[in-house]
Amino acid sequence: MMQALIDALAIPDSCLLDKPVFKKMFLDHAELDVTDRKALSEDVSRIRWLYTLKPDTINISPYQDSEREFLEVAVLVISLSNPTRVRRIASLMHRAIPYPLVLVFEDGKKACISTADKRINQADKAKLVIEDRWLTDWIEVSAPTEAQRGFLDALAFTKLPSTNFYALYEAYQALVIAIIAAERSGTFRAVHIAASKQQGAALRQIEALEREIGEHKTKLKRETQMAAKIALNSAIRTRKDAILALTGELSNLPDNFET
């Protein structure tokens, strides 16, 4: 089933590397806490560095400015024995490997994709700062939803901008954000790069509002004063209304990948 997703990427064979990455590399050299090490050791069964897109393998220009360094893009496939901590595993891999990464996770018949926005640390130019990490929901590749079919179709390399590696990676990330938005709105659309940033901001706001709702519900269970209960219920309704409004905005954005 993973091959169907790899085929959907349609990355040229010239970029194929298909080399194993051993967990020992992360355990020995990456900055991992105890939970990171446990997740990596127990939940990851295999890691393959599948593709390296760089000037030597494909006709795309590197990109570099004071904030970003996109000299190449790597695609890794990670096979999981337990998907519970996939978000943590994605996070540690984005931190540990100093390249723009497209991480493809597989768990049986399901797959998901992660990207991350990396910038140069202005206080220490040798380090990167990860501002946003994105992870799609699990996709049953042999039986995707309508929105997921649109996402898989849009992943084809030939449909993405190739002016430089930053433009290419932004397009991959925009698609990941778009399918995460579609998980809420029900509609997948490959949107304009600037609109994708709006989608991302709306998704972050929704996540923050959902956390606040959870906190208010916890307080509500403990509250004994009627006036306080009414105030908490009102706060919850206000946040739910805000989430509905933000969800409506997710799919009402311009199409395509023009910058």
Protein backbone atom coordinates (compact mmCIF):
# COMPACT_ATOMS: atom_id res chain seq x y z
CA MET A 1 0.00 0.00 0.00
CA MET A 2 2.90 2.35 0.69
CA GLN A 3 3.97 2.00 -2.93
CA ALA A 4 0.73 3.66 -4.02
CA LEU A 5 1.65 6.75 -2.02
CA ILE A 6 5.22 6.71 -3.33
CA ASP A 7 3.80 6.48 -6.85
CA ALA A 8 1.54 9.45 -6.08
CA LEU A 9 4.62 11.56 -5.27
CA ALA A 10 5.94 10.80 -8.77
CA ILE A 11 9.45 11.94 -7.90
CA PRO A 12 11.90 11.26 -10.76
CA ASP A 13 14.07 8.14 -10.47
CA SER A 14 17.16 10.34 -10.68
CA CYS A 15 16.45 11.35 -7.06
CA LEU A 16 16.11 7.79 -5.74
CA LEU A 17 18.48 6.97 -2.88
CA ASP A 18 16.62 4.24 -0.95
CA LYS A 19 19.19 3.81 1.81
CA PRO A 20 18.52 2.65 5.38
CA VAL A 21 18.82 5.13 8.23
CA PHE A 22 19.69 3.36 11.47
CA LYS A 23 18.01 4.38 14.71
CA LYS A 24 21.44 4.39 16.34
CA MET A 25 22.24 7.56 14.40
CA PHE A 26 19.46 9.41 16.22
CA LEU A 27 20.15 7.76 19.57
CA ASP A 28 23.86 8.64 19.42
CA HIS A 29 23.80 12.10 17.89
CA ALA A 30 20.38 13.74 18.27
CA GLU A 31 19.22 15.68 21.31
CA LEU A 32 16.52 13.32 22.58
CA ASP A 33 14.77 13.15 25.92
CA VAL A 34 13.77 9.89 27.60
CA THR A 35 10.34 9.79 25.92
CA ASP A 36 11.87 10.49 22.49
CA ARG A 37 14.28 7.59 22.93
CA LYS A 38 11.51 5.29 24.08
CA ALA A 39 9.29 6.19 21.13
CA LEU A 40 12.13 5.75 18.63
CA SER A 41 13.31 2.45 20.12
CA GLU A 42 9.89 0.88 20.62
CA ASP A 43 7.69 2.28 17.85
CA VAL A 44 9.93 2.55 14.77
CA SER A 45 10.68 -0.64 12.89
CA ARG A 46 12.50 0.77 9.84
CA ILE A 47 13.64 4.09 8.35
CA ARG A 48 14.52 4.56 4.67
CA TRP A 49 15.99 7.69 3.11
CA LEU A 50 14.02 7.24 -0.09
CA TYR A 51 14.73 10.35 -2.16
CA THR A 52 17.20 13.20 -2.16
CA LEU A 53 16.21 16.11 -4.36
CA LYS A 54 19.26 18.33 -4.90
CA PRO A 55 20.93 20.06 -7.85
CA ASP A 56 22.98 16.93 -8.56
CA THR A 57 19.85 14.79 -8.94
CA ILE A 58 17.26 17.18 -10.40
CA ASN A 59 17.21 20.49 -12.23
CA ILE A 60 16.03 22.69 -9.34
CA SER A 61 17.95 25.62 -7.91
CA PRO A 62 18.91 25.89 -4.24
CA TYR A 63 17.49 28.77 -2.23
CA GLN A 64 19.20 30.73 0.52
CA ASP A 65 18.59 33.99 2.31
CA SER A 66 19.21 35.37 5.82
CA GLU A 67 16.39 33.25 7.27
CA ARG A 68 16.23 30.08 5.20
CA GLU A 69 18.55 27.55 3.61
CA PHE A 70 16.85 25.18 1.18
CA LEU A 71 19.73 23.49 -0.63
CA GLU A 72 17.89 20.18 -1.05
CA VAL A 73 14.77 18.30 0.03
CA ALA A 74 14.79 14.79 1.49
CA VAL A 75 11.95 12.26 1.55
CA LEU A 76 12.10 9.63 4.30
CA VAL A 77 9.79 6.66 4.81
CA ILE A 78 9.34 5.49 8.40
CA SER A 79 7.65 2.16 9.13
CA LEU A 80 5.98 2.04 12.53
CA SER A 81 5.16 -0.90 14.76
CA ASN A 82 3.04 1.39 16.96
CA PRO A 83 1.50 4.64 15.62
CA THR A 84 0.56 6.13 19.01
CA ARG A 85 3.58 8.43 19.26
CA VAL A 86 3.91 9.32 15.58
CA ARG A 87 3.70 13.06 16.30
CA ARG A 88 6.64 12.87 18.72
CA ILE A 89 8.67 10.76 16.27
CA ALA A 90 8.02 13.26 13.49
CA SER A 91 9.12 16.10 15.77
CA LEU A 92 12.40 14.47 16.77
CA MET A 93 13.27 13.63 13.17
CA HIS A 94 12.61 17.18 11.98
CA ARG A 95 14.88 18.43 14.77
CA ALA A 96 17.62 15.86 14.19
CA ILE A 97 18.05 16.12 10.40
CA PRO A 98 19.10 19.61 9.23
CA TYR A 99 17.31 19.49 5.86
CA PRO A 100 13.79 20.25 4.71
CA LEU A 101 12.08 16.88 5.21
CA VAL A 102 9.00 15.22 3.82
CA LEU A 103 8.36 12.39 6.29
CA VAL A 104 6.10 9.56 5.15
CA PHE A 105 4.94 7.28 7.96
CA GLU A 106 3.42 3.87 7.33
CA ASP A 107 1.42 1.71 9.70
CA GLY A 108 0.06 -1.35 7.94
CA LYS A 109 -2.31 -0.14 5.22
CA LYS A 110 -2.29 3.45 6.46
CA ALA A 111 0.10 6.33 5.83
CA CYS A 112 0.52 9.94 6.92
CA ILE A 113 2.87 12.77 5.93
CA SER A 114 4.69 15.40 7.98
CA THR A 115 6.48 18.63 7.04
CA ALA A 116 8.04 21.37 9.14
CA ASP A 117 8.90 25.04 8.62
CA LYS A 118 12.61 25.44 9.47
CA ARG A 119 14.43 28.75 9.75
CA ILE A 120 18.02 29.71 10.54
CA ASN A 121 18.53 30.56 14.21
CA GLN A 122 19.58 34.22 14.12
CA ALA A 123 21.41 33.85 17.44
CA ASP A 124 23.37 30.82 16.21
CA LYS A 125 23.61 30.49 12.43
CA ALA A 126 24.69 26.84 12.71
CA LYS A 127 21.32 25.88 14.17
CA LEU A 128 17.76 25.76 12.84
CA VAL A 129 14.54 26.85 14.49
CA ILE A 130 11.40 24.81 13.76
CA GLU A 131 8.45 27.18 13.82
CA ASP A 132 5.64 24.87 12.70
CA ARG A 133 5.26 21.12 12.33
CA TRP A 134 2.39 19.61 10.38
CA LEU A 135 1.15 16.03 10.35
CA THR A 136 -1.77 14.73 8.28
CA ASP A 137 -4.34 12.32 9.60
CA TRP A 138 -3.85 8.65 8.71
CA ILE A 139 -4.80 7.83 5.13
CA GLU A 140 -5.86 4.34 4.08
CA VAL A 141 -4.14 4.57 0.72
CA SER A 142 -6.15 1.78 -0.91
CA ALA A 143 -9.45 3.38 0.17
CA PRO A 144 -8.95 7.13 0.65
CA THR A 145 -11.77 9.57 1.26
CA GLU A 146 -12.70 11.98 -1.52
CA ALA A 147 -10.61 14.72 0.11
CA GLN A 148 -7.66 12.35 0.52
CA ARG A 149 -7.90 11.31 -3.14
CA GLY A 150 -7.59 14.97 -4.08
CA PHE A 151 -4.57 15.29 -1.81
CA LEU A 152 -2.83 12.21 -3.25
CA ASP A 153 -3.49 13.42 -6.79
CA ALA A 154 -2.08 16.88 -6.00
CA LEU A 155 1.19 15.43 -4.61
CA ALA A 156 2.57 14.58 -8.06
CA PHE A 157 5.97 16.24 -8.49
CA THR A 158 5.08 17.46 -12.00
CA LYS A 159 2.23 19.56 -10.56
CA LEU A 160 4.43 21.43 -8.10
CA PRO A 161 6.57 24.55 -8.62
CA SER A 162 10.23 23.84 -9.36
CA THR A 163 11.78 27.32 -9.49
CA ASN A 164 13.82 26.48 -6.38
CA PHE A 165 13.76 24.08 -3.42
CA TYR A 166 12.04 26.57 -1.15
CA ALA A 167 9.13 26.97 -3.58
CA LEU A 168 8.92 23.19 -3.94
CA TYR A 169 8.93 22.58 -0.20
CA GLU A 170 6.39 25.32 0.44
CA ALA A 171 4.12 23.57 -2.05
CA TYR A 172 4.48 20.23 -0.24
CA GLN A 173 3.74 21.94 3.06
CA ALA A 174 0.75 23.79 1.59
CA LEU A 175 -0.73 20.46 0.50
CA VAL A 176 -0.20 18.97 3.95
CA ILE A 177 -1.90 21.98 5.55
CA ALA A 178 -4.72 21.78 2.99
CA ILE A 179 -5.54 18.15 3.81
CA ILE A 180 -5.40 18.89 7.54
CA ALA A 181 -7.87 21.74 6.86
CA ALA A 182 -10.00 19.35 4.80
CA GLU A 183 -10.22 17.00 7.77
CA ARG A 184 -12.24 19.80 9.41
CA SER A 185 -13.99 21.45 6.49
CA GLY A 186 -14.64 18.28 4.46
CA THR A 187 -13.29 19.84 1.26
CA PHE A 188 -9.74 19.56 -0.09
CA ARG A 189 -8.36 22.32 -2.29
CA ALA A 190 -4.74 22.95 -3.26
CA VAL A 191 -4.60 26.62 -2.38
CA HIS A 192 -2.36 29.57 -3.15
CA ILE A 193 0.82 29.60 -0.99
CA ALA A 194 -0.20 32.82 0.76
CA ALA A 195 -3.67 31.36 1.39
CA SER A 196 -2.02 28.26 2.85
CA LYS A 197 -0.38 30.44 5.47
CA GLN A 198 -3.85 31.77 6.32
CA GLN A 199 -5.08 28.19 6.61
CA GLY A 200 -2.20 27.34 8.90
CA ALA A 201 -2.91 30.34 11.13
CA ALA A 202 -6.60 29.40 11.31
CA LEU A 203 -5.75 25.82 12.22
CA ARG A 204 -3.47 27.01 15.02
CA GLN A 205 -6.25 29.26 16.32
CA ILE A 206 -8.69 26.34 16.23
CA GLU A 207 -6.24 24.15 18.16
CA ALA A 208 -5.81 26.89 20.79
CA LEU A 209 -9.58 27.33 21.13
CA GLU A 210 -10.04 23.58 21.50
CA ARG A 211 -7.46 23.52 24.28
CA GLU A 212 -9.32 26.35 26.02
CA ILE A 213 -12.61 24.46 25.68
CA GLY A 214 -11.00 21.42 27.25
CA GLU A 215 -9.69 23.50 30.14
CA HIS A 216 -13.10 25.12 30.68
CA LYS A 217 -14.83 21.72 30.66
CA THR A 218 -12.39 20.47 33.29
CA LYS A 219 -13.15 23.49 35.46
CA LEU A 220 -16.88 23.01 34.87
CA LYS A 221 -16.78 19.50 36.33
CA ARG A 222 -15.29 20.85 39.56
CA GLU A 223 -17.32 24.05 39.80
CA THR A 224 -20.14 24.21 42.37
CA GLN A 225 -21.28 27.84 41.99
CA MET A 226 -24.13 28.31 39.49
CA ALA A 227 -22.93 31.74 38.33
CA ALA A 228 -19.47 30.34 37.60
CA LYS A 229 -21.00 27.40 35.71
CA ILE A 230 -23.04 29.76 33.56
CA ALA A 231 -19.94 31.83 32.79
CA LEU A 232 -17.93 28.74 31.83
CA ASN A 233 -20.71 27.41 29.59
CA SER A 234 -20.93 30.80 27.91
CA ALA A 235 -17.16 30.83 27.34
CA ILE A 236 -17.35 27.34 25.83
CA ARG A 237 -20.16 28.36 23.45
CA THR A 238 -18.25 31.47 22.39
CA ARG A 239 -15.21 29.38 21.51
CA LYS A 240 -17.28 26.79 19.66
CA ASP A 241 -18.82 29.58 17.57
CA ALA A 242 -15.33 30.92 16.82
CA ILE A 243 -14.22 27.45 15.72
CA LEU A 244 -17.20 27.17 13.36
CA ALA A 245 -16.34 30.53 11.82
CA LEU A 246 -12.67 29.61 11.38
CA THR A 247 -13.61 26.23 9.90
CA GLY A 248 -15.74 28.01 7.31
CA GLU A 249 -12.74 30.14 6.34
CA LEU A 250 -10.49 27.12 5.75
CA SER A 251 -11.89 26.25 2.32
CA ASN A 252 -12.79 29.80 1.19
CA LEU A 253 -9.34 30.66 -0.16
CA PRO A 254 -7.69 31.13 -3.61
CA ASP A 255 -6.53 28.06 -5.56
CA ASN A 256 -3.14 27.07 -7.05
CA PHE A 257 0.51 27.40 -6.05
CA GLU A 258 1.43 30.78 -7.52
CA THR A 259 3.51 32.88 -5.12
